[in-house]
């Protein structure tokens, strides 16, 4: 298997997708942000000084997906048809579990957009409550589903 983002001389380049057919594509990525139980309670109660942590993180994740090609140098700008970002408090973590799903119809997949959405949502949660918990940990960010295109379907175990 070869890496597609390098040409025959080993130079980085944007992959030419012009000959590929447009297909429906979807990707889901998930991750989490761990925090002190007290910080989680502040988020659940809606008493963070900066406002609605989960609502703002959801919007930030959506915006992150839309800006992926501005952040990741070799990503194609894509006509995204749907982005959803779900943030669920989890006392067992303790923290927030994040699931981001992105859809498009196009020549290339939306895995990077889903990963960026999940990452941006987690970073936003951190920013919103870092005044009370600087030791939060972000992790587990990975693609859980990818479907559409030549390589077909992938589901994480």
C-alpha atoms as a PDB file:
ATOM      1  CA  UNK A   1       0.000   0.000   0.000  1.00  0.00           C
ATOM      2  CA  UNK A   2       1.377   3.422  -0.905  1.00  0.00           C
ATOM      3  CA  UNK A   3       0.774   6.767   0.744  1.00  0.00           C
ATOM      4  CA  UNK A   4      -1.405   8.867  -1.548  1.00  0.00           C
ATOM      5  CA  UNK A   5      -0.272  12.275  -0.300  1.00  0.00           C
ATOM      6  CA  UNK A   6       3.219  11.884  -1.789  1.00  0.00           C
ATOM      7  CA  UNK A   7       4.150  11.971  -5.461  1.00  0.00           C
ATOM      8  CA  UNK A   8       6.709   9.689  -7.161  1.00  0.00           C
ATOM      9  CA  UNK A   9       9.525  11.941  -5.949  1.00  0.00           C
ATOM     10  CA  UNK A  10       8.364  11.857  -2.353  1.00  0.00           C
ATOM     11  CA  UNK A  11       6.974  15.402  -2.360  1.00  0.00           C
ATOM     12  CA  UNK A  12       3.725  16.129  -0.543  1.00  0.00           C
ATOM     13  CA  UNK A  13       0.803  16.948  -2.831  1.00  0.00           C
ATOM     14  CA  UNK A  14      -2.963  17.126  -2.819  1.00  0.00           C
ATOM     15  CA  UNK A  15      -4.419  13.940  -4.278  1.00  0.00           C
ATOM     16  CA  UNK A  16      -6.119  14.370  -7.666  1.00  0.00           C
ATOM     17  CA  UNK A  17      -9.692  13.141  -7.161  1.00  0.00           C
ATOM     18  CA  UNK A  18     -11.068  14.543 -10.430  1.00  0.00           C
ATOM     19  CA  UNK A  19     -11.533  11.100 -12.019  1.00  0.00           C
ATOM     20  CA  UNK A  20     -13.386   9.654  -9.016  1.00  0.00           C
ATOM     21  CA  UNK A  21     -17.177   9.329  -9.045  1.00  0.00           C
ATOM     22  CA  UNK A  22     -19.310  11.311  -6.639  1.00  0.00           C
ATOM     23  CA  UNK A  23     -20.742   8.975  -3.991  1.00  0.00           C
ATOM     24  CA  UNK A  24     -22.604   9.409  -0.725  1.00  0.00           C
ATOM     25  CA  UNK A  25     -20.085   9.383   2.114  1.00  0.00           C
ATOM     26  CA  UNK A  26     -20.326   9.382   5.885  1.00  0.00           C
ATOM     27  CA  UNK A  27     -17.816   9.298   8.715  1.00  0.00           C
ATOM     28  CA  UNK A  28     -18.180   9.204  12.478  1.00  0.00           C
ATOM     29  CA  UNK A  29     -15.451   9.949  14.996  1.00  0.00           C
ATOM     30  CA  UNK A  30     -15.553   9.764  18.749  1.00  0.00           C
ATOM     31  CA  UNK A  31     -13.471  10.800  21.716  1.00  0.00           C
ATOM     32  CA  UNK A  32     -13.716  12.034  25.285  1.00  0.00           C
ATOM     33  CA  UNK A  33     -12.568  14.655  27.723  1.00  0.00           C
ATOM     34  CA  UNK A  34     -11.945  13.511  31.297  1.00  0.00           C
ATOM     35  CA  UNK A  35     -12.281  15.941  34.183  1.00  0.00           C
ATOM     36  CA  UNK A  36     -12.818  16.167  37.900  1.00  0.00           C
ATOM     37  CA  UNK A  37     -16.313  15.082  38.998  1.00  0.00           C
ATOM     38  CA  UNK A  38     -16.906  18.630  40.308  1.00  0.00           C
ATOM     39  CA  UNK A  39     -16.180  20.070  36.862  1.00  0.00           C
ATOM     40  CA  UNK A  40     -18.626  17.655  35.277  1.00  0.00           C
ATOM     41  CA  UNK A  41     -21.292  18.805  37.747  1.00  0.00           C
ATOM     42  CA  UNK A  42     -20.688  22.455  36.795  1.00  0.00           C
ATOM     43  CA  UNK A  43     -21.230  21.526  33.134  1.00  0.00           C
ATOM     44  CA  UNK A  44     -24.352  19.460  33.857  1.00  0.00           C
ATOM     45  CA  UNK A  45     -25.837  22.213  36.061  1.00  0.00           C
ATOM     46  CA  UNK A  46     -25.139  24.837  33.398  1.00  0.00           C
ATOM     47  CA  UNK A  47     -23.313  27.047  35.893  1.00  0.00           C
ATOM     48  CA  UNK A  48     -20.014  27.557  34.024  1.00  0.00           C
ATOM     49  CA  UNK A  49     -19.066  31.240  33.949  1.00  0.00           C
ATOM     50  CA  UNK A  50     -18.568  31.211  30.167  1.00  0.00           C
ATOM     51  CA  UNK A  51     -22.060  29.830  29.503  1.00  0.00           C
ATOM     52  CA  UNK A  52     -23.593  26.689  28.008  1.00  0.00           C
ATOM     53  CA  UNK A  53     -20.525  24.465  27.684  1.00  0.00           C
ATOM     54  CA  UNK A  54     -22.121  21.627  25.722  1.00  0.00           C
ATOM     55  CA  UNK A  55     -24.089  23.910  23.388  1.00  0.00           C
ATOM     56  CA  UNK A  56     -21.054  26.008  22.542  1.00  0.00           C
ATOM     57  CA  UNK A  57     -18.849  22.914  22.128  1.00  0.00           C
ATOM     58  CA  UNK A  58     -21.447  21.428  19.739  1.00  0.00           C
ATOM     59  CA  UNK A  59     -21.371  24.588  17.598  1.00  0.00           C
ATOM     60  CA  UNK A  60     -17.564  24.667  17.703  1.00  0.00           C
ATOM     61  CA  UNK A  61     -17.436  21.047  16.516  1.00  0.00           C
ATOM     62  CA  UNK A  62     -19.736  21.865  13.601  1.00  0.00           C
ATOM     63  CA  UNK A  63     -17.601  24.871  12.700  1.00  0.00           C
ATOM     64  CA  UNK A  64     -14.451  22.749  13.006  1.00  0.00           C
ATOM     65  CA  UNK A  65     -15.784  20.233  10.487  1.00  0.00           C
ATOM     66  CA  UNK A  66     -16.541  23.062   8.052  1.00  0.00           C
ATOM     67  CA  UNK A  67     -13.020  24.511   8.429  1.00  0.00           C
ATOM     68  CA  UNK A  68     -11.061  21.248   8.156  1.00  0.00           C
ATOM     69  CA  UNK A  69      -9.473  22.055   4.790  1.00  0.00           C
ATOM     70  CA  UNK A  70      -8.247  25.368   6.259  1.00  0.00           C
ATOM     71  CA  UNK A  71      -6.494  23.489   9.086  1.00  0.00           C
ATOM     72  CA  UNK A  72      -5.185  20.292   7.481  1.00  0.00           C
ATOM     73  CA  UNK A  73      -2.958  21.246   4.533  1.00  0.00           C
ATOM     74  CA  UNK A  74      -3.782  18.450   2.064  1.00  0.00           C
ATOM     75  CA  UNK A  75      -7.518  18.070   2.762  1.00  0.00           C
ATOM     76  CA  UNK A  76      -9.893  18.942  -0.031  1.00  0.00           C
ATOM     77  CA  UNK A  77     -12.586  21.538   0.703  1.00  0.00           C
ATOM     78  CA  UNK A  78     -15.840  19.573   0.646  1.00  0.00           C
ATOM     79  CA  UNK A  79     -19.527  20.417   0.264  1.00  0.00           C
ATOM     80  CA  UNK A  80     -20.638  19.082   3.637  1.00  0.00           C
ATOM     81  CA  UNK A  81     -24.313  18.189   3.721  1.00  0.00           C
ATOM     82  CA  UNK A  82     -24.627  17.358   7.441  1.00  0.00           C
ATOM     83  CA  UNK A  83     -22.653  17.625  10.661  1.00  0.00           C
ATOM     84  CA  UNK A  84     -23.889  16.431  14.024  1.00  0.00           C
ATOM     85  CA  UNK A  85     -21.944  16.576  17.274  1.00  0.00           C
ATOM     86  CA  UNK A  86     -23.296  14.776  20.322  1.00  0.00           C
ATOM     87  CA  UNK A  87     -21.819  15.457  23.759  1.00  0.00           C
ATOM     88  CA  UNK A  88     -22.918  13.207  26.606  1.00  0.00           C
ATOM     89  CA  UNK A  89     -21.911  13.606  30.243  1.00  0.00           C
ATOM     90  CA  UNK A  90     -20.533  10.353  31.646  1.00  0.00           C
ATOM     91  CA  UNK A  91     -20.068  10.145  35.411  1.00  0.00           C
ATOM     92  CA  UNK A  92     -18.074   6.915  35.058  1.00  0.00           C
ATOM     93  CA  UNK A  93     -15.375   8.676  32.997  1.00  0.00           C
ATOM     94  CA  UNK A  94     -15.872  11.269  34.622  1.00  0.00           C
ATOM     95  CA  UNK A  95     -16.252  13.644  31.714  1.00  0.00           C
ATOM     96  CA  UNK A  96     -17.912  14.118  28.366  1.00  0.00           C
ATOM     97  CA  UNK A  97     -18.135  11.555  25.543  1.00  0.00           C
ATOM     98  CA  UNK A  98     -18.189  13.090  22.070  1.00  0.00           C
ATOM     99  CA  UNK A  99     -19.502  11.622  18.805  1.00  0.00           C
ATOM    100  CA  UNK A 100     -19.280  13.608  15.556  1.00  0.00           C
ATOM    101  CA  UNK A 101     -20.859  12.527  12.267  1.00  0.00           C
ATOM    102  CA  UNK A 102     -20.285  14.190   8.900  1.00  0.00           C
ATOM    103  CA  UNK A 103     -21.971  13.507   5.550  1.00  0.00           C
ATOM    104  CA  UNK A 104     -21.292  14.610   1.991  1.00  0.00           C
ATOM    105  CA  UNK A 105     -21.771  13.544  -1.586  1.00  0.00           C
ATOM    106  CA  UNK A 106     -18.437  13.861  -3.293  1.00  0.00           C
ATOM    107  CA  UNK A 107     -15.191  12.398  -4.566  1.00  0.00           C
ATOM    108  CA  UNK A 108     -13.430  11.966  -1.230  1.00  0.00           C
ATOM    109  CA  UNK A 109     -14.350  10.976   2.301  1.00  0.00           C
ATOM    110  CA  UNK A 110     -15.125  13.018   5.407  1.00  0.00           C
ATOM    111  CA  UNK A 111     -13.063  11.188   8.029  1.00  0.00           C
ATOM    112  CA  UNK A 112     -10.868  14.225   8.643  1.00  0.00           C
ATOM    113  CA  UNK A 113     -13.929  16.432   9.061  1.00  0.00           C
ATOM    114  CA  UNK A 114     -15.411  14.057  11.652  1.00  0.00           C
ATOM    115  CA  UNK A 115     -12.086  13.872  13.526  1.00  0.00           C
ATOM    116  CA  UNK A 116     -11.755  17.663  13.450  1.00  0.00           C
ATOM    117  CA  UNK A 117     -15.321  18.097  14.729  1.00  0.00           C
ATOM    118  CA  UNK A 118     -14.720  15.749  17.677  1.00  0.00           C
ATOM    119  CA  UNK A 119     -11.359  17.347  18.481  1.00  0.00           C
ATOM    120  CA  UNK A 120     -12.688  20.900  18.257  1.00  0.00           C
ATOM    121  CA  UNK A 121     -15.637  20.056  20.510  1.00  0.00           C
ATOM    122  CA  UNK A 122     -13.281  18.559  23.118  1.00  0.00           C
ATOM    123  CA  UNK A 123     -10.940  21.557  22.945  1.00  0.00           C
ATOM    124  CA  UNK A 124     -13.900  23.882  23.394  1.00  0.00           C
ATOM    125  CA  UNK A 125     -15.056  22.042  26.507  1.00  0.00           C
ATOM    126  CA  UNK A 126     -11.517  22.445  27.857  1.00  0.00           C
ATOM    127  CA  UNK A 127     -11.503  26.164  27.066  1.00  0.00           C
ATOM    128  CA  UNK A 128     -14.906  26.725  28.647  1.00  0.00           C
ATOM    129  CA  UNK A 129     -14.033  25.221  32.057  1.00  0.00           C
ATOM    130  CA  UNK A 130     -10.238  25.397  32.276  1.00  0.00           C
ATOM    131  CA  UNK A 131     -10.545  28.058  34.982  1.00  0.00           C
ATOM    132  CA  UNK A 132     -11.790  25.375  37.398  1.00  0.00           C
ATOM    133  CA  UNK A 133      -9.932  22.310  36.057  1.00  0.00           C
ATOM    134  CA  UNK A 134      -6.626  22.711  34.234  1.00  0.00           C
ATOM    135  CA  UNK A 135      -5.887  18.972  34.507  1.00  0.00           C
ATOM    136  CA  UNK A 136      -8.525  17.789  32.042  1.00  0.00           C
ATOM    137  CA  UNK A 137      -7.405  15.136  29.566  1.00  0.00           C
ATOM    138  CA  UNK A 138      -8.569  14.774  25.954  1.00  0.00           C
ATOM    139  CA  UNK A 139      -8.248  11.374  24.306  1.00  0.00           C
ATOM    140  CA  UNK A 140      -9.630   8.425  22.443  1.00  0.00           C
ATOM    141  CA  UNK A 141     -10.256  10.418  19.275  1.00  0.00           C
ATOM    142  CA  UNK A 142     -10.660   7.953  16.422  1.00  0.00           C
ATOM    143  CA  UNK A 143     -12.774   7.121  13.385  1.00  0.00           C
ATOM    144  CA  UNK A 144     -15.539   4.704  14.330  1.00  0.00           C
ATOM    145  CA  UNK A 145     -17.304   4.573  10.951  1.00  0.00           C
ATOM    146  CA  UNK A 146     -16.413   5.423   7.371  1.00  0.00           C
ATOM    147  CA  UNK A 147     -18.616   4.503   4.447  1.00  0.00           C
ATOM    148  CA  UNK A 148     -18.763   5.355   0.748  1.00  0.00           C
ATOM    149  CA  UNK A 149     -16.222   5.532  -2.005  1.00  0.00           C
ATOM    150  CA  UNK A 150     -13.910   2.946  -3.512  1.00  0.00           C
ATOM    151  CA  UNK A 151     -12.573   1.574  -0.214  1.00  0.00           C
ATOM    152  CA  UNK A 152     -16.086   0.800   1.051  1.00  0.00           C
ATOM    153  CA  UNK A 153     -17.165   0.520   4.644  1.00  0.00           C
ATOM    154  CA  UNK A 154     -14.988   0.584   7.762  1.00  0.00           C
ATOM    155  CA  UNK A 155     -16.305   0.151  11.307  1.00  0.00           C
ATOM    156  CA  UNK A 156     -14.062   0.207  14.363  1.00  0.00           C
ATOM    157  CA  UNK A 157     -14.334  -2.786  16.653  1.00  0.00           C
END
